[in-house]
Protein backbone atom coordinates (compact mmCIF):
# COMPACT_ATOMS: atom_id res chain seq x y z
CA MET A 1 -12.24 -10.19 -6.60
CA MET A 2 -14.56 -12.94 -7.81
CA ASP A 3 -15.91 -10.62 -10.51
CA GLU A 4 -12.36 -9.84 -11.62
CA ALA A 5 -11.52 -13.53 -11.71
CA ARG A 6 -14.57 -14.21 -13.89
CA GLN A 7 -13.49 -11.38 -16.19
CA VAL A 8 -10.00 -12.83 -16.59
CA PHE A 9 -11.36 -16.28 -17.37
CA SER A 10 -13.99 -14.91 -19.74
CA GLU A 11 -11.26 -13.00 -21.54
CA ALA A 12 -9.27 -16.20 -21.76
CA GLY A 13 -11.69 -17.40 -24.41
CA ASP A 14 -11.22 -14.33 -26.57
CA GLY A 15 -7.99 -15.24 -28.33
CA ASP A 16 -5.14 -12.76 -28.08
CA ARG A 17 -7.01 -10.52 -25.65
CA GLY A 18 -7.51 -13.40 -23.26
CA ALA A 19 -3.89 -14.52 -23.55
CA ALA A 20 -2.74 -11.00 -22.72
CA ALA A 21 -4.99 -10.85 -19.64
CA LEU A 22 -3.68 -14.17 -18.37
CA SER A 23 -0.07 -13.16 -19.01
CA ARG A 24 -0.53 -10.18 -16.67
CA ALA A 25 -1.95 -12.31 -13.86
CA PRO A 26 0.81 -13.07 -11.33
CA THR A 27 1.61 -16.71 -10.68
CA THR A 28 3.17 -18.34 -7.64
CA PRO A 29 6.00 -20.91 -7.72
CA LYS A 30 4.85 -24.48 -8.31
CA PHE A 31 5.40 -27.06 -5.62
CA THR A 32 8.14 -29.46 -6.61
CA ASN A 33 9.50 -32.29 -4.51
CA GLY A 34 12.92 -32.73 -6.09
CA PRO A 35 15.97 -34.53 -4.64
CA LEU A 36 17.30 -31.45 -2.79
CA LYS A 37 13.95 -30.71 -1.18
CA ARG A 38 13.59 -34.33 -0.07
CA VAL A 39 17.03 -34.24 1.56
CA MET A 40 16.29 -30.93 3.31
CA THR A 41 12.94 -32.28 4.53
CA ALA A 42 14.58 -35.39 5.96
CA LEU A 43 17.23 -33.33 7.78
CA ALA A 44 14.73 -30.82 9.16
CA PHE A 45 12.15 -33.35 10.37
CA PRO A 46 13.85 -34.27 13.71
CA LEU A 47 14.40 -30.62 14.63
CA PHE A 48 10.85 -29.51 13.98
CA TYR A 49 9.44 -32.71 15.48
CA ALA A 50 11.13 -31.65 18.73
CA LEU A 51 10.09 -27.99 18.51
CA ASN A 52 6.57 -28.10 17.05
CA ARG A 53 4.54 -28.85 20.19
CA PRO A 54 2.16 -26.93 22.49
CA SER A 55 4.62 -26.80 25.38
CA LEU A 56 6.92 -24.59 23.26
CA GLN A 57 4.19 -22.27 21.95
CA VAL A 58 5.54 -19.18 23.72
CA LEU A 59 8.97 -19.74 22.18
CA ALA A 60 7.42 -20.42 18.77
CA GLU A 61 5.39 -17.20 18.87
CA ALA A 62 8.47 -15.19 19.87
CA ALA A 63 10.44 -16.72 17.00
CA TYR A 64 7.59 -15.95 14.59
CA ASP A 65 7.40 -12.29 15.68
CA PHE A 66 11.18 -12.03 15.37
CA ALA A 67 11.11 -13.47 11.86
CA LEU A 68 8.34 -11.08 10.79
CA ARG A 69 10.30 -8.02 11.83
CA TRP A 70 13.47 -9.41 10.28
CA ASN A 71 11.53 -9.51 6.99
CA GLY A 72 10.09 -5.99 7.27
CA PHE A 73 6.69 -6.67 8.86
CA ALA A 74 5.39 -4.76 11.91
CA ILE A 75 8.33 -2.36 11.98
CA GLY A 76 6.37 0.77 12.83
CA PHE A 77 9.08 2.07 15.13
CA PRO A 78 8.59 5.85 15.43
CA GLY A 79 10.86 8.27 13.63
CA ARG A 80 11.78 11.81 14.56
CA HIS A 81 9.32 13.66 12.32
CA GLY A 82 5.97 11.92 12.84
CA LEU A 83 6.48 9.02 10.44
CA SER A 84 7.94 5.59 11.05
CA HIS A 85 11.71 5.30 11.25
CA ALA A 86 11.73 3.18 8.08
CA GLU A 87 9.74 5.74 6.10
CA GLU A 88 11.91 8.63 7.19
CA ARG A 89 15.12 6.79 6.29
CA PHE A 90 13.70 5.79 2.90
CA LEU A 91 12.46 9.29 2.07
CA SER A 92 15.70 10.95 3.17
CA ARG A 93 17.50 8.87 0.55
CA ARG A 94 15.06 9.18 -2.32
CA LEU A 95 13.38 12.58 -2.17
CA PRO A 96 16.34 14.97 -2.49
CA ALA A 97 16.98 13.62 -5.98
CA MET A 98 13.47 14.53 -7.16
CA GLY A 99 14.14 18.27 -7.36
CA ALA A 100 11.11 20.16 -8.61
CA GLY A 101 8.97 17.08 -9.20
CA VAL A 102 5.33 16.37 -8.38
CA LEU A 103 4.50 14.45 -5.21
CA PHE A 104 1.08 13.09 -4.18
CA ASP A 105 0.20 12.42 -0.52
CA VAL A 106 -3.05 10.43 -0.59
CA GLY A 107 -4.45 10.10 2.91
CA ALA A 108 -2.52 13.07 4.29
CA ASN A 109 -4.17 13.07 7.74
CA HIS A 110 -2.65 15.89 9.84
CA GLY A 111 0.20 16.51 7.42
CA SER A 112 3.22 14.76 8.94
CA TYR A 113 4.06 13.02 5.66
CA THR A 114 3.50 16.18 3.61
CA ASN A 115 5.79 18.15 5.89
CA VAL A 116 8.55 15.55 5.56
CA LEU A 117 8.14 15.69 1.78
CA ARG A 118 8.35 19.47 1.89
CA ARG A 119 11.42 19.47 4.13
CA LEU A 120 13.35 16.93 2.03
CA SER A 121 12.27 18.19 -1.38
CA PRO A 122 11.54 21.93 -0.96
CA ALA A 123 11.26 22.62 -4.70
CA ALA A 124 8.67 19.89 -5.30
CA ARG A 125 4.98 20.54 -5.88
CA ILE A 126 2.98 18.56 -3.34
CA HIS A 127 -0.69 17.63 -3.62
CA ALA A 128 -2.10 16.39 -0.29
CA PHE A 129 -5.50 14.68 -0.25
CA GLU A 130 -7.54 14.35 2.96
CA PRO A 131 -11.33 13.81 2.93
CA HIS A 132 -12.23 13.83 6.65
CA PRO A 133 -13.67 17.27 7.54
CA LYS A 134 -12.15 17.42 11.04
CA THR A 135 -8.80 16.07 9.95
CA TYR A 136 -8.66 18.38 6.95
CA ALA A 137 -9.08 21.41 9.22
CA VAL A 138 -5.96 20.33 11.13
CA LEU A 139 -4.13 19.67 7.85
CA GLN A 140 -4.84 23.24 6.75
CA GLN A 141 -3.20 24.57 9.90
CA ARG A 142 -0.15 22.30 9.83
CA ALA A 143 0.78 21.73 6.20
CA ALA A 144 -0.17 24.81 4.19
CA GLY A 145 2.61 26.23 2.04
CA PRO A 146 3.36 27.98 -1.25
CA LEU A 147 4.05 24.76 -3.17
CA VAL A 148 1.48 22.63 -1.33
CA THR A 149 -2.01 22.09 -2.74
CA LEU A 150 -4.44 20.78 -0.12
CA VAL A 151 -7.37 18.80 -1.53
CA ASN A 152 -10.41 18.07 0.65
CA MET A 153 -11.35 14.94 -1.29
CA ALA A 154 -10.94 11.19 -1.07
CA VAL A 155 -9.12 9.32 -3.81
CA SER A 156 -10.80 6.18 -5.12
CA ASP A 157 -11.43 4.24 -8.32
CA ARG A 158 -14.36 6.49 -9.26
CA SER A 159 -15.32 10.15 -8.98
CA GLY A 160 -18.46 11.30 -7.18
CA THR A 161 -19.41 10.98 -3.52
CA MET A 162 -18.90 8.18 -1.01
CA GLN A 163 -19.19 7.57 2.70
CA LEU A 164 -16.07 7.94 4.83
CA TYR A 165 -16.24 5.81 7.97
CA ASP A 166 -14.59 6.33 11.34
CA PHE A 167 -14.90 5.27 14.98
CA ALA A 168 -17.83 6.84 16.80
CA ASP A 169 -15.77 7.53 19.92
CA ALA A 170 -12.67 8.73 18.02
CA ASP A 171 -13.99 10.53 14.95
CA GLY A 172 -11.03 11.96 13.07
CA SER A 173 -8.77 8.99 13.77
CA THR A 174 -5.89 7.81 11.59
CA GLN A 175 -7.97 4.75 10.62
CA ALA A 176 -10.82 6.56 8.85
CA SER A 177 -11.57 4.72 5.60
CA LEU A 178 -13.91 4.59 2.63
CA ALA A 179 -14.23 0.91 3.47
CA GLN A 180 -16.79 0.36 6.23
CA ALA A 181 -15.57 -3.19 6.76
CA ALA A 182 -12.02 -1.96 7.35
CA VAL A 183 -13.18 0.21 10.26
CA GLY A 184 -15.82 -2.22 11.50
CA MET A 185 -13.34 -5.05 12.00
CA PHE A 186 -11.90 -3.07 14.92
CA ASP A 187 -15.07 -1.51 16.41
CA PRO A 188 -18.74 -1.87 15.39
CA ARG A 189 -19.56 1.65 16.60
CA ILE A 190 -19.09 3.70 13.45
CA VAL A 191 -19.94 7.18 12.18
CA SER A 192 -19.83 8.28 8.56
CA HIS A 193 -19.34 11.45 6.53
CA THR A 194 -20.34 12.08 2.93
CA VAL A 195 -17.21 13.09 1.04
CA GLU A 196 -16.30 13.94 -2.53
CA THR A 197 -14.08 11.52 -4.40
CA THR A 198 -11.78 11.74 -7.37
CA THR A 199 -9.34 9.41 -9.08
CA ILE A 200 -5.64 9.85 -9.75
CA ASP A 201 -6.32 9.86 -13.49
CA ALA A 202 -9.14 12.42 -13.22
CA TYR A 203 -7.19 14.70 -10.90
CA MET A 204 -4.05 14.62 -13.06
CA ALA A 205 -6.12 15.55 -16.11
CA LEU A 206 -7.93 18.37 -14.28
CA ALA A 207 -4.73 19.79 -12.76
CA GLY A 208 -2.75 19.44 -16.00
CA ILE A 209 -0.21 17.07 -14.44
CA ASP A 210 1.56 14.82 -16.93
CA ALA A 211 3.65 12.78 -14.48
CA VAL A 212 3.92 12.08 -10.75
CA ASP A 213 7.39 11.46 -9.35
CA PHE A 214 6.20 9.93 -6.08
CA LEU A 215 2.78 8.69 -4.93
CA LYS A 216 2.22 7.83 -1.29
CA ILE A 217 -1.03 6.03 -0.38
CA ASP A 218 -2.36 5.49 3.14
CA THR A 219 -6.10 4.90 2.94
CA GLU A 220 -6.67 2.11 5.47
CA GLY A 221 -7.58 -0.84 3.30
CA PHE A 222 -8.54 1.20 0.23
CA ASP A 223 -5.09 1.47 -1.38
CA ILE A 224 -5.92 -0.99 -4.17
CA ASN A 225 -8.88 1.18 -5.22
CA VAL A 226 -6.64 4.23 -5.40
CA LEU A 227 -4.30 2.35 -7.73
CA ARG A 228 -7.20 1.12 -9.87
CA GLY A 229 -8.20 4.75 -10.28
CA ALA A 230 -4.73 5.43 -11.73
CA LYS A 231 -5.03 2.84 -14.52
CA GLU A 232 -4.18 5.25 -17.34
CA ALA A 233 -1.24 6.84 -15.52
CA LEU A 234 0.17 3.48 -14.47
CA GLY A 235 -0.25 2.08 -17.96
CA ARG A 236 1.89 4.78 -19.55
CA GLY A 237 4.45 4.81 -16.74
CA ALA A 238 3.52 8.33 -15.61
CA ILE A 239 3.93 7.44 -11.92
CA LYS A 240 7.58 6.72 -11.18
CA ALA A 241 7.48 5.51 -7.57
CA ILE A 242 4.71 4.46 -5.17
CA GLN A 243 4.55 3.70 -1.48
CA PHE A 244 1.48 1.92 -0.12
CA GLU A 245 0.47 -0.28 2.81
CA PHE A 246 -0.58 -3.89 3.10
CA ILE A 247 -2.43 -4.18 6.41
CA PRO A 248 -4.92 -6.37 8.33
CA ALA A 249 -7.80 -4.24 7.02
CA ASP A 250 -7.15 -5.72 3.56
CA ILE A 251 -8.67 -8.95 4.89
CA ALA A 252 -11.97 -7.16 5.46
CA MET A 253 -11.78 -5.82 1.91
CA ARG A 254 -11.04 -9.29 0.45
CA VAL A 255 -7.86 -7.82 -1.05
CA ALA A 256 -4.76 -9.95 -1.54
CA MET A 257 -1.21 -8.97 -2.36
CA ARG A 258 -1.78 -10.72 -5.65
CA ASP A 259 -4.17 -7.89 -6.56
CA PHE A 260 -1.37 -5.35 -6.13
CA PHE A 261 0.99 -7.40 -8.29
CA GLU A 262 -1.67 -7.46 -10.98
CA VAL A 263 -2.60 -3.77 -10.96
CA LEU A 264 1.09 -2.78 -10.79
CA HIS A 265 2.06 -4.73 -13.90
CA GLY A 266 5.28 -3.14 -15.15
CA TYR A 267 6.52 -2.18 -11.68
CA ARG A 268 9.01 -3.87 -9.37
CA LEU A 269 7.76 -4.37 -5.82
CA PHE A 270 9.85 -4.11 -2.67
CA ARG A 271 9.22 -4.37 1.06
CA LEU A 272 10.50 -1.41 3.06
CA CYS A 273 13.22 -2.26 5.60
CA LEU A 274 13.81 -0.50 8.90
CA ASN A 275 17.03 1.11 7.67
CA GLY A 276 15.27 2.52 4.59
CA ASP A 277 16.58 -0.11 2.18
CA LEU A 278 14.25 -1.98 -0.16
CA MET A 279 13.89 -5.77 0.06
CA PRO A 280 12.90 -7.04 -3.41
CA LEU A 281 9.81 -9.19 -3.88
CA ARG A 282 11.31 -10.86 -6.91
CA ARG A 283 8.10 -12.57 -7.89
CA TYR A 284 4.68 -13.30 -6.48
CA ASP A 285 4.87 -16.07 -3.87
CA VAL A 286 1.87 -16.90 -1.67
CA LYS A 287 4.06 -17.92 1.27
CA ARG A 288 6.04 -14.68 1.30
CA CYS A 289 3.47 -12.22 -0.02
CA GLU A 290 0.11 -13.06 1.56
CA VAL A 291 1.01 -12.01 5.10
CA TYR A 292 -1.68 -9.81 6.66
CA VAL A 293 0.67 -8.05 9.05
CA THR A 294 1.24 -4.33 8.53
CA HIS A 295 4.11 -3.51 6.19
CA ASN A 296 5.00 -0.89 3.60
CA ILE A 297 5.49 -1.73 -0.05
CA VAL A 298 7.39 0.41 -2.54
CA ALA A 299 6.75 0.02 -6.26
CA LEU A 300 9.25 1.35 -8.80
CA ARG A 301 8.60 1.60 -12.51
CA GLU A 302 10.66 -0.90 -14.51
CA GLY A 303 13.03 0.40 -17.14
């Protein structure tokens, strides 16, 4: 992130190119202390003076957890088909309209997401990517089909080979990641596998795919790298809709929500609600965006 920041500021000195780079960088609302805010602060002070104290910590934590879920965080309530309830409701609304489109499942694991895609959009061509050798073997058994292409590769921001990390005592877990720090923040006992990697742009070119109707990403802290590997496709609007995660592992990767706003320039971002609706993130706001509690984000191409 520091290198990217230096690049933006170095470009800032290059005339039009620098101005364009800065115009793409998301900003957060400025603090202003106008008359309305001063009145609201004065009215709220007695209430929070009474509530904000150690003796009420249990109540405060309960209220905080309640507010998070109300806003779409930590709503991983299970659905009926192996996904979260929110994901299944969202997909049941969106996928039937895609017809014979192209769907990418990046981080397919055992195939629950792929199978939901296949059930809801049976005419679609699905490409499911899973790099873990043990997990891929299960994926082959559970998600193979005539319109499903299974790819035993990781998706990143570069092609080649990388190390895939997982827990030593649970190798083949749902938290396997190309980011060692993302796994290590939960358990220092780690194993690794050498895996092949590709990028969205490289794979689309190789497979002769011009456009992707829906891209799902679940790579445990590596989602931003997947999107950076789709720079060309994103730039020309070839990916219509994207679902990705923002999770605690992003802390270990030094990734902020601001990075997603920047790489998804030209897309509208939404937080997924439990009923499948989309709560708009109308603009980048540190207070409302930089919350390292698991939630799903949906990005839709503008226009």
